[in-house]
Amino acid sequence: MALLEVENLTKFYKDVRALSGVSFEVKKGEFVAIIGPSGSGKTTLVRCINRLIDPSDGTIRFDRMDMRALEGMHLRHARAKIGMIFQHYNLVTRLTVIENVLHGRLGYKSDLAGILGVYSEEEKQKAVEVLGLLGLEDYVYRRCDQLSGGQMQRVGIARALVQDPRMILCDEPIASLDPSSAKIIMDYLQKIQQELRITIIVNIHQVDIAKKYAERILGFNKGHLVFDNKPGKLDKDTTREIYGAEAGELFSN
């Protein structure tokens, strides 16, 4: 059974159609890459899935829950099972690494406990273990403004993992990183998917990286899903359909 089902998803920004009748399913434990030119709807799609943006029409079912029907506490509990990694990290840089990671537990807290920053010893230990998994065991009490971009993105991954998610959405997680740091992030995401069997959906610009890491690629053009297949099926013709005639020649088979 699919973990995520998207049916006829449509999103308008005033009179601009950002997504047009998009439908697909994602299985538990899949690694899916979303590609397409700027403005093709990639970020809108990712943010609609966990309701950071409200869709205009269509259905989103995650773990059998109708995401569009959820509000308040029920939506917060659903989001707790969906980790989110952002291009610009979305960290509180004046706080320590572990304080930022523990923010991933807020979806399980009452409003008062969240405001007061009350976390159990078990949650703190879990945060330390996750940071160790990501090679950040020596940075637990370091302020985030003292970290490199790649290290901050790993903190973002740790914050998502400490939620005990069933799925992690990644919105351009390597766009701000140098190639070496980008490889480290993609390697960790692949490790999480393969070893922890957490579903990974990553919105990414680099076609070669998508083909290297993903088991399946969704290609978007002007809000339409124009490709949904294995990386090996992404040839020059399909790449040209996604990116346009000129851009198609920039990518290898």
C-alpha atoms as a PDB file:
ATOM      1  CA  MET A   1       0.000   0.000   0.000  1.00  0.00           C
ATOM      2  CA  ALA A   2       1.184   3.520  -0.810  1.00  0.00           C
ATOM      3  CA  LEU A   3       2.396   5.715   2.036  1.00  0.00           C
ATOM      4  CA  LEU A   4       1.570   8.874   0.066  1.00  0.00           C
ATOM      5  CA  GLU A   5      -1.216   9.285  -2.489  1.00  0.00           C
ATOM      6  CA  VAL A   6      -1.622  12.503  -4.463  1.00  0.00           C
ATOM      7  CA  GLU A   7      -4.643  12.799  -6.746  1.00  0.00           C
ATOM      8  CA  ASN A   8      -5.480  15.640  -9.122  1.00  0.00           C
ATOM      9  CA  LEU A   9      -3.532  18.141  -7.011  1.00  0.00           C
ATOM     10  CA  THR A  10      -3.964  21.703  -8.235  1.00  0.00           C
ATOM     11  CA  LYS A  11      -2.656  24.967  -6.828  1.00  0.00           C
ATOM     12  CA  PHE A  12      -3.393  28.525  -7.929  1.00  0.00           C
ATOM     13  CA  TYR A  13      -1.604  31.660  -6.770  1.00  0.00           C
ATOM     14  CA  LYS A  14      -4.323  34.190  -7.668  1.00  0.00           C
ATOM     15  CA  ASP A  15      -4.645  33.607 -11.430  1.00  0.00           C
ATOM     16  CA  VAL A  16      -1.365  31.677 -11.846  1.00  0.00           C
ATOM     17  CA  ARG A  17      -1.636  27.879 -11.940  1.00  0.00           C
ATOM     18  CA  ALA A  18       1.413  26.460 -10.118  1.00  0.00           C
ATOM     19  CA  LEU A  19       0.253  22.803 -10.157  1.00  0.00           C
ATOM     20  CA  SER A  20      -2.160  21.290 -12.638  1.00  0.00           C
ATOM     21  CA  GLY A  21      -3.960  18.028 -11.838  1.00  0.00           C
ATOM     22  CA  VAL A  22      -0.922  16.197 -10.442  1.00  0.00           C
ATOM     23  CA  SER A  23      -1.376  12.529  -9.461  1.00  0.00           C
ATOM     24  CA  PHE A  24       1.148   9.967  -8.189  1.00  0.00           C
ATOM     25  CA  GLU A  25       1.808   7.534  -5.338  1.00  0.00           C
ATOM     26  CA  VAL A  26       4.912   6.908  -3.219  1.00  0.00           C
ATOM     27  CA  LYS A  27       5.581   3.624  -1.444  1.00  0.00           C
ATOM     28  CA  LYS A  28       7.048   3.204   2.020  1.00  0.00           C
ATOM     29  CA  GLY A  29      10.846   3.393   1.890  1.00  0.00           C
ATOM     30  CA  GLU A  30      11.131   4.859  -1.619  1.00  0.00           C
ATOM     31  CA  PHE A  31      13.705   7.505  -2.586  1.00  0.00           C
ATOM     32  CA  VAL A  32      11.990   9.880  -5.019  1.00  0.00           C
ATOM     33  CA  ALA A  33      13.580  12.919  -6.678  1.00  0.00           C
ATOM     34  CA  ILE A  34      11.514  15.796  -8.078  1.00  0.00           C
ATOM     35  CA  ILE A  35      13.171  17.689 -10.930  1.00  0.00           C
ATOM     36  CA  GLY A  36      12.214  20.523 -13.239  1.00  0.00           C
ATOM     37  CA  PRO A  37      13.140  24.105 -14.139  1.00  0.00           C
ATOM     38  CA  SER A  38      12.571  27.008 -11.771  1.00  0.00           C
ATOM     39  CA  GLY A  39       8.877  27.790 -11.536  1.00  0.00           C
ATOM     40  CA  SER A  40       7.799  24.283 -12.557  1.00  0.00           C
ATOM     41  CA  GLY A  41       5.975  23.615  -9.282  1.00  0.00           C
ATOM     42  CA  LYS A  42       8.527  21.515  -7.379  1.00  0.00           C
ATOM     43  CA  THR A  43       8.576  23.555  -4.172  1.00  0.00           C
ATOM     44  CA  THR A  44       4.824  24.138  -4.295  1.00  0.00           C
ATOM     45  CA  LEU A  45       4.270  20.379  -4.488  1.00  0.00           C
ATOM     46  CA  VAL A  46       6.533  19.589  -1.536  1.00  0.00           C
ATOM     47  CA  ARG A  47       4.928  22.274   0.615  1.00  0.00           C
ATOM     48  CA  CYS A  48       1.404  21.211  -0.312  1.00  0.00           C
ATOM     49  CA  ILE A  49       2.079  17.649   0.833  1.00  0.00           C
ATOM     50  CA  ASN A  50       2.533  18.689   4.476  1.00  0.00           C
ATOM     51  CA  ARG A  51       0.163  21.658   4.226  1.00  0.00           C
ATOM     52  CA  LEU A  52       2.719  24.412   4.597  1.00  0.00           C
ATOM     53  CA  ILE A  53       0.758  25.609   1.562  1.00  0.00           C
ATOM     54  CA  ASP A  54      -2.934  24.816   1.134  1.00  0.00           C
ATOM     55  CA  PRO A  55      -3.799  23.232  -2.234  1.00  0.00           C
ATOM     56  CA  SER A  56      -6.593  24.713  -4.334  1.00  0.00           C
ATOM     57  CA  ASP A  57      -8.001  21.315  -5.309  1.00  0.00           C
ATOM     58  CA  GLY A  58      -7.221  17.608  -5.217  1.00  0.00           C
ATOM     59  CA  THR A  59      -6.467  15.002  -2.565  1.00  0.00           C
ATOM     60  CA  ILE A  60      -3.378  14.267  -0.445  1.00  0.00           C
ATOM     61  CA  ARG A  61      -3.436  11.089   1.638  1.00  0.00           C
ATOM     62  CA  PHE A  62      -0.474  10.352   3.887  1.00  0.00           C
ATOM     63  CA  ASP A  63      -0.471   7.153   5.913  1.00  0.00           C
ATOM     64  CA  ARG A  64      -4.209   6.844   5.113  1.00  0.00           C
ATOM     65  CA  MET A  65      -4.931  10.317   6.495  1.00  0.00           C
ATOM     66  CA  ASP A  66      -6.641  12.951   4.353  1.00  0.00           C
ATOM     67  CA  MET A  67      -4.173  15.796   4.881  1.00  0.00           C
ATOM     68  CA  ARG A  68      -6.542  18.448   3.513  1.00  0.00           C
ATOM     69  CA  ALA A  69      -9.191  17.519   6.079  1.00  0.00           C
ATOM     70  CA  LEU A  70      -6.867  17.894   9.079  1.00  0.00           C
ATOM     71  CA  GLU A  71      -6.742  21.015  11.238  1.00  0.00           C
ATOM     72  CA  GLY A  72      -5.221  22.100  14.549  1.00  0.00           C
ATOM     73  CA  MET A  73      -3.893  19.333  16.760  1.00  0.00           C
ATOM     74  CA  HIS A  74      -4.693  16.623  14.208  1.00  0.00           C
ATOM     75  CA  LEU A  75      -2.664  18.371  11.505  1.00  0.00           C
ATOM     76  CA  ARG A  76       0.219  18.925  13.934  1.00  0.00           C
ATOM     77  CA  HIS A  77       0.269  15.236  14.837  1.00  0.00           C
ATOM     78  CA  ALA A  78       0.274  14.249  11.154  1.00  0.00           C
ATOM     79  CA  ARG A  79       3.126  16.663  10.419  1.00  0.00           C
ATOM     80  CA  ALA A  80       5.112  15.105  13.263  1.00  0.00           C
ATOM     81  CA  LYS A  81       5.456  12.036  11.045  1.00  0.00           C
ATOM     82  CA  ILE A  82       6.653  14.118   8.091  1.00  0.00           C
ATOM     83  CA  GLY A  83      10.137  15.556   8.490  1.00  0.00           C
ATOM     84  CA  MET A  84      11.033  18.700   6.517  1.00  0.00           C
ATOM     85  CA  ILE A  85      14.481  19.818   5.368  1.00  0.00           C
ATOM     86  CA  PHE A  86      14.848  23.317   3.916  1.00  0.00           C
ATOM     87  CA  GLN A  87      17.308  24.890   1.482  1.00  0.00           C
ATOM     88  CA  HIS A  88      18.355  27.570   3.997  1.00  0.00           C
ATOM     89  CA  TYR A  89      18.349  25.200   7.001  1.00  0.00           C
ATOM     90  CA  ASN A  90      15.626  27.057   8.979  1.00  0.00           C
ATOM     91  CA  LEU A  91      17.646  26.859  12.198  1.00  0.00           C
ATOM     92  CA  VAL A  92      17.749  29.245  15.164  1.00  0.00           C
ATOM     93  CA  THR A  93      21.426  30.022  14.775  1.00  0.00           C
ATOM     94  CA  ARG A  94      21.894  31.592  18.235  1.00  0.00           C
ATOM     95  CA  LEU A  95      20.864  28.272  19.817  1.00  0.00           C
ATOM     96  CA  THR A  96      23.005  25.158  20.171  1.00  0.00           C
ATOM     97  CA  VAL A  97      22.913  22.188  17.851  1.00  0.00           C
ATOM     98  CA  ILE A  98      21.005  19.994  20.287  1.00  0.00           C
ATOM     99  CA  GLU A  99      18.480  22.744  21.048  1.00  0.00           C
ATOM    100  CA  ASN A 100      17.710  23.020  17.342  1.00  0.00           C
ATOM    101  CA  VAL A 101      17.442  19.248  16.959  1.00  0.00           C
ATOM    102  CA  LEU A 102      15.028  19.012  19.898  1.00  0.00           C
ATOM    103  CA  HIS A 103      12.707  21.425  18.093  1.00  0.00           C
ATOM    104  CA  GLY A 104      11.831  18.375  16.008  1.00  0.00           C
ATOM    105  CA  ARG A 105       9.893  17.078  19.016  1.00  0.00           C
ATOM    106  CA  LEU A 106       7.584  20.092  19.230  1.00  0.00           C
ATOM    107  CA  GLY A 107       4.873  18.294  17.277  1.00  0.00           C
ATOM    108  CA  TYR A 108       4.517  15.908  20.207  1.00  0.00           C
ATOM    109  CA  LYS A 109       4.355  18.642  22.876  1.00  0.00           C
ATOM    110  CA  SER A 110       1.628  20.716  24.426  1.00  0.00           C
ATOM    111  CA  ASP A 111       1.842  24.433  23.628  1.00  0.00           C
ATOM    112  CA  LEU A 112       3.123  25.187  27.134  1.00  0.00           C
ATOM    113  CA  ALA A 113       5.793  22.476  27.090  1.00  0.00           C
ATOM    114  CA  GLY A 114       6.924  23.721  23.697  1.00  0.00           C
ATOM    115  CA  ILE A 115       7.181  27.338  24.865  1.00  0.00           C
ATOM    116  CA  LEU A 116       9.109  26.310  27.990  1.00  0.00           C
ATOM    117  CA  GLY A 117      11.376  23.937  26.069  1.00  0.00           C
ATOM    118  CA  VAL A 118      10.614  20.965  28.307  1.00  0.00           C
ATOM    119  CA  TYR A 119      12.176  17.774  26.938  1.00  0.00           C
ATOM    120  CA  SER A 120      12.607  14.374  28.564  1.00  0.00           C
ATOM    121  CA  GLU A 121      15.978  12.734  29.118  1.00  0.00           C
ATOM    122  CA  GLU A 122      14.919  10.115  26.592  1.00  0.00           C
ATOM    123  CA  GLU A 123      14.340  12.815  23.972  1.00  0.00           C
ATOM    124  CA  LYS A 124      17.703  14.418  24.717  1.00  0.00           C
ATOM    125  CA  GLN A 125      19.444  11.056  24.417  1.00  0.00           C
ATOM    126  CA  LYS A 126      17.662  10.407  21.134  1.00  0.00           C
ATOM    127  CA  ALA A 127      18.894  13.768  19.823  1.00  0.00           C
ATOM    128  CA  VAL A 128      22.490  12.928  20.775  1.00  0.00           C
ATOM    129  CA  GLU A 129      22.218   9.524  19.080  1.00  0.00           C
ATOM    130  CA  VAL A 130      20.868  11.037  15.872  1.00  0.00           C
ATOM    131  CA  LEU A 131      23.649  13.635  15.821  1.00  0.00           C
ATOM    132  CA  GLY A 132      26.155  10.803  16.180  1.00  0.00           C
ATOM    133  CA  LEU A 133      24.573   9.041  13.212  1.00  0.00           C
ATOM    134  CA  LEU A 134      25.198  12.181  11.168  1.00  0.00           C
ATOM    135  CA  GLY A 135      28.791  12.656  12.307  1.00  0.00           C
ATOM    136  CA  LEU A 136      28.020  15.623  14.566  1.00  0.00           C
ATOM    137  CA  GLU A 137      28.777  14.078  17.953  1.00  0.00           C
ATOM    138  CA  ASP A 138      31.490  16.683  18.598  1.00  0.00           C
ATOM    139  CA  TYR A 139      29.117  19.593  17.872  1.00  0.00           C
ATOM    140  CA  VAL A 140      26.220  18.815  20.227  1.00  0.00           C
ATOM    141  CA  TYR A 141      26.625  21.988  22.333  1.00  0.00           C
ATOM    142  CA  ARG A 142      28.116  24.221  19.611  1.00  0.00           C
ATOM    143  CA  ARG A 143      26.071  27.236  18.549  1.00  0.00           C
ATOM    144  CA  CYS A 144      24.681  26.782  15.059  1.00  0.00           C
ATOM    145  CA  ASP A 145      26.104  30.105  13.873  1.00  0.00           C
ATOM    146  CA  GLN A 146      29.562  28.535  14.293  1.00  0.00           C
ATOM    147  CA  LEU A 147      28.869  25.748  11.791  1.00  0.00           C
ATOM    148  CA  SER A 148      29.473  25.440   8.061  1.00  0.00           C
ATOM    149  CA  GLY A 149      26.562  25.240   5.641  1.00  0.00           C
ATOM    150  CA  GLY A 150      26.944  21.495   5.250  1.00  0.00           C
ATOM    151  CA  GLN A 151      27.021  20.998   9.020  1.00  0.00           C
ATOM    152  CA  MET A 152      23.915  23.160   9.454  1.00  0.00           C
ATOM    153  CA  GLN A 153      22.083  21.075   6.887  1.00  0.00           C
ATOM    154  CA  ARG A 154      23.024  17.922   8.796  1.00  0.00           C
ATOM    155  CA  VAL A 155      21.514  19.548  11.900  1.00  0.00           C
ATOM    156  CA  GLY A 156      18.378  20.066   9.832  1.00  0.00           C
ATOM    157  CA  ILE A 157      18.360  16.368   8.946  1.00  0.00           C
ATOM    158  CA  ALA A 158      18.859  15.451  12.614  1.00  0.00           C
ATOM    159  CA  ARG A 159      15.914  17.678  13.573  1.00  0.00           C
ATOM    160  CA  ALA A 160      13.770  15.800  11.050  1.00  0.00           C
ATOM    161  CA  LEU A 161      14.974  12.380  12.209  1.00  0.00           C
ATOM    162  CA  VAL A 162      14.293  13.025  15.891  1.00  0.00           C
ATOM    163  CA  GLN A 163      10.611  13.315  14.966  1.00  0.00           C
ATOM    164  CA  ASP A 164      10.599   9.566  14.193  1.00  0.00           C
ATOM    165  CA  PRO A 165       9.169  10.372  10.759  1.00  0.00           C
ATOM    166  CA  ARG A 166       7.760   7.956   8.241  1.00  0.00           C
ATOM    167  CA  MET A 167       8.657  10.353   5.414  1.00  0.00           C
ATOM    168  CA  ILE A 168      11.111  13.227   4.958  1.00  0.00           C
ATOM    169  CA  LEU A 169      10.481  16.031   2.462  1.00  0.00           C
ATOM    170  CA  CYS A 170      13.572  17.888   1.260  1.00  0.00           C
ATOM    171  CA  ASP A 171      13.133  21.256  -0.466  1.00  0.00           C
ATOM    172  CA  GLU A 172      16.355  21.966  -2.405  1.00  0.00           C
ATOM    173  CA  PRO A 173      18.557  20.636   0.438  1.00  0.00           C
ATOM    174  CA  ILE A 174      21.853  21.034  -1.456  1.00  0.00           C
ATOM    175  CA  ALA A 175      21.195  24.181  -3.495  1.00  0.00           C
ATOM    176  CA  SER A 176      23.258  26.357  -1.129  1.00  0.00           C
ATOM    177  CA  LEU A 177      26.143  23.889  -0.714  1.00  0.00           C
ATOM    178  CA  ASP A 178      29.447  23.273  -2.471  1.00  0.00           C
ATOM    179  CA  PRO A 179      29.774  19.934  -4.356  1.00  0.00           C
ATOM    180  CA  SER A 180      31.639  18.176  -1.536  1.00  0.00           C
ATOM    181  CA  SER A 181      29.087  19.169   1.109  1.00  0.00           C
ATOM    182  CA  ALA A 182      26.245  18.336  -1.286  1.00  0.00           C
ATOM    183  CA  LYS A 183      27.580  14.797  -1.732  1.00  0.00           C
ATOM    184  CA  ILE A 184      27.784  14.326   2.038  1.00  0.00           C
ATOM    185  CA  ILE A 185      24.144  15.411   2.448  1.00  0.00           C
ATOM    186  CA  MET A 186      22.910  13.164  -0.368  1.00  0.00           C
ATOM    187  CA  ASP A 187      24.910  10.230   1.010  1.00  0.00           C
ATOM    188  CA  TYR A 188      23.284  10.695   4.426  1.00  0.00           C
ATOM    189  CA  LEU A 189      19.803  10.928   2.904  1.00  0.00           C
ATOM    190  CA  GLN A 190      20.457   7.709   0.994  1.00  0.00           C
ATOM    191  CA  LYS A 191      21.732   6.032   4.159  1.00  0.00           C
ATOM    192  CA  ILE A 192      18.582   7.074   6.033  1.00  0.00           C
ATOM    193  CA  GLN A 193      16.399   5.679   3.268  1.00  0.00           C
ATOM    194  CA  GLN A 194      18.275   2.409   2.917  1.00  0.00           C
ATOM    195  CA  GLU A 195      19.014   1.636   6.570  1.00  0.00           C
ATOM    196  CA  LEU A 196      16.015   3.181   8.341  1.00  0.00           C
ATOM    197  CA  ARG A 197      13.536   2.632   5.472  1.00  0.00           C
ATOM    198  CA  ILE A 198      12.251   6.166   5.756  1.00  0.00           C
ATOM    199  CA  THR A 199      10.650   7.492   2.598  1.00  0.00           C
ATOM    200  CA  ILE A 200      12.666  10.356   1.070  1.00  0.00           C
ATOM    201  CA  ILE A 201      11.201  12.895  -1.367  1.00  0.00           C
ATOM    202  CA  VAL A 202      13.790  15.420  -2.505  1.00  0.00           C
ATOM    203  CA  ASN A 203      13.212  18.448  -4.711  1.00  0.00           C
ATOM    204  CA  ILE A 204      16.460  18.995  -6.601  1.00  0.00           C
ATOM    205  CA  HIS A 205      17.859  20.952  -9.550  1.00  0.00           C
ATOM    206  CA  GLN A 206      20.815  18.718 -10.410  1.00  0.00           C
ATOM    207  CA  VAL A 207      19.639  16.016 -12.824  1.00  0.00           C
ATOM    208  CA  ASP A 208      22.852  13.990 -12.564  1.00  0.00           C
ATOM    209  CA  ILE A 209      22.512  13.814  -8.750  1.00  0.00           C
ATOM    210  CA  ALA A 210      18.843  12.862  -9.020  1.00  0.00           C
ATOM    211  CA  LYS A 211      19.771  10.010 -11.369  1.00  0.00           C
ATOM    212  CA  LYS A 212      22.547   8.833  -9.059  1.00  0.00           C
ATOM    213  CA  TYR A 213      20.582   8.688  -5.803  1.00  0.00           C
ATOM    214  CA  ALA A 214      16.878   8.322  -6.575  1.00  0.00           C
ATOM    215  CA  GLU A 215      15.015   5.107  -7.278  1.00  0.00           C
ATOM    216  CA  ARG A 216      12.361   7.099  -9.108  1.00  0.00           C
ATOM    217  CA  ILE A 217      12.168  10.550 -10.661  1.00  0.00           C
ATOM    218  CA  LEU A 218       9.190  12.876 -11.062  1.00  0.00           C
ATOM    219  CA  GLY A 219       9.745  15.519 -13.733  1.00  0.00           C
ATOM    220  CA  PHE A 220       7.722  18.746 -13.782  1.00  0.00           C
ATOM    221  CA  ASN A 221       7.206  21.414 -16.416  1.00  0.00           C
ATOM    222  CA  LYS A 222       4.915  24.418 -15.883  1.00  0.00           C
ATOM    223  CA  GLY A 223       3.016  22.690 -13.092  1.00  0.00           C
ATOM    224  CA  HIS A 224       2.424  19.474 -15.027  1.00  0.00           C
ATOM    225  CA  LEU A 225       3.877  16.080 -14.110  1.00  0.00           C
ATOM    226  CA  VAL A 226       5.474  15.064 -17.419  1.00  0.00           C
ATOM    227  CA  PHE A 227       7.749  12.219 -16.259  1.00  0.00           C
ATOM    228  CA  ASP A 228       7.324   9.501 -13.621  1.00  0.00           C
ATOM    229  CA  ASN A 229       9.743   6.621 -13.996  1.00  0.00           C
ATOM    230  CA  LYS A 230      13.067   5.080 -13.026  1.00  0.00           C
ATOM    231  CA  PRO A 231      16.248   7.159 -13.521  1.00  0.00           C
ATOM    232  CA  GLY A 232      17.385   4.901 -16.370  1.00  0.00           C
ATOM    233  CA  LYS A 233      14.361   5.970 -18.398  1.00  0.00           C
ATOM    234  CA  LEU A 234      15.342   9.646 -18.220  1.00  0.00           C
ATOM    235  CA  ASP A 235      16.939  10.022 -21.654  1.00  0.00           C
ATOM    236  CA  LYS A 236      17.618  13.124 -23.739  1.00  0.00           C
ATOM    237  CA  ASP A 237      14.102  13.255 -25.144  1.00  0.00           C
ATOM    238  CA  THR A 238      12.401  13.132 -21.757  1.00  0.00           C
ATOM    239  CA  THR A 239      14.919  15.568 -20.289  1.00  0.00           C
ATOM    240  CA  ARG A 240      14.134  17.931 -23.151  1.00  0.00           C
ATOM    241  CA  GLU A 241      10.408  17.573 -22.405  1.00  0.00           C
ATOM    242  CA  ILE A 242      11.055  18.625 -18.799  1.00  0.00           C
ATOM    243  CA  TYR A 243      13.581  21.412 -19.337  1.00  0.00           C
ATOM    244  CA  GLY A 244      12.978  22.550 -22.906  1.00  0.00           C
ATOM    245  CA  ALA A 245      14.764  21.975 -26.222  1.00  0.00           C
ATOM    246  CA  GLU A 246      17.927  23.895 -25.422  1.00  0.00           C
ATOM    247  CA  ALA A 247      18.397  22.502 -21.919  1.00  0.00           C
ATOM    248  CA  GLY A 248      17.956  18.913 -23.080  1.00  0.00           C
ATOM    249  CA  GLU A 249      21.376  18.920 -24.671  1.00  0.00           C
ATOM    250  CA  LEU A 250      23.035  19.758 -21.352  1.00  0.00           C
ATOM    251  CA  PHE A 251      22.269  16.416 -19.743  1.00  0.00           C
ATOM    252  CA  SER A 252      23.640  12.993 -20.467  1.00  0.00           C
ATOM    253  CA  ASN A 253      21.621   9.834 -21.091  1.00  0.00           C
END
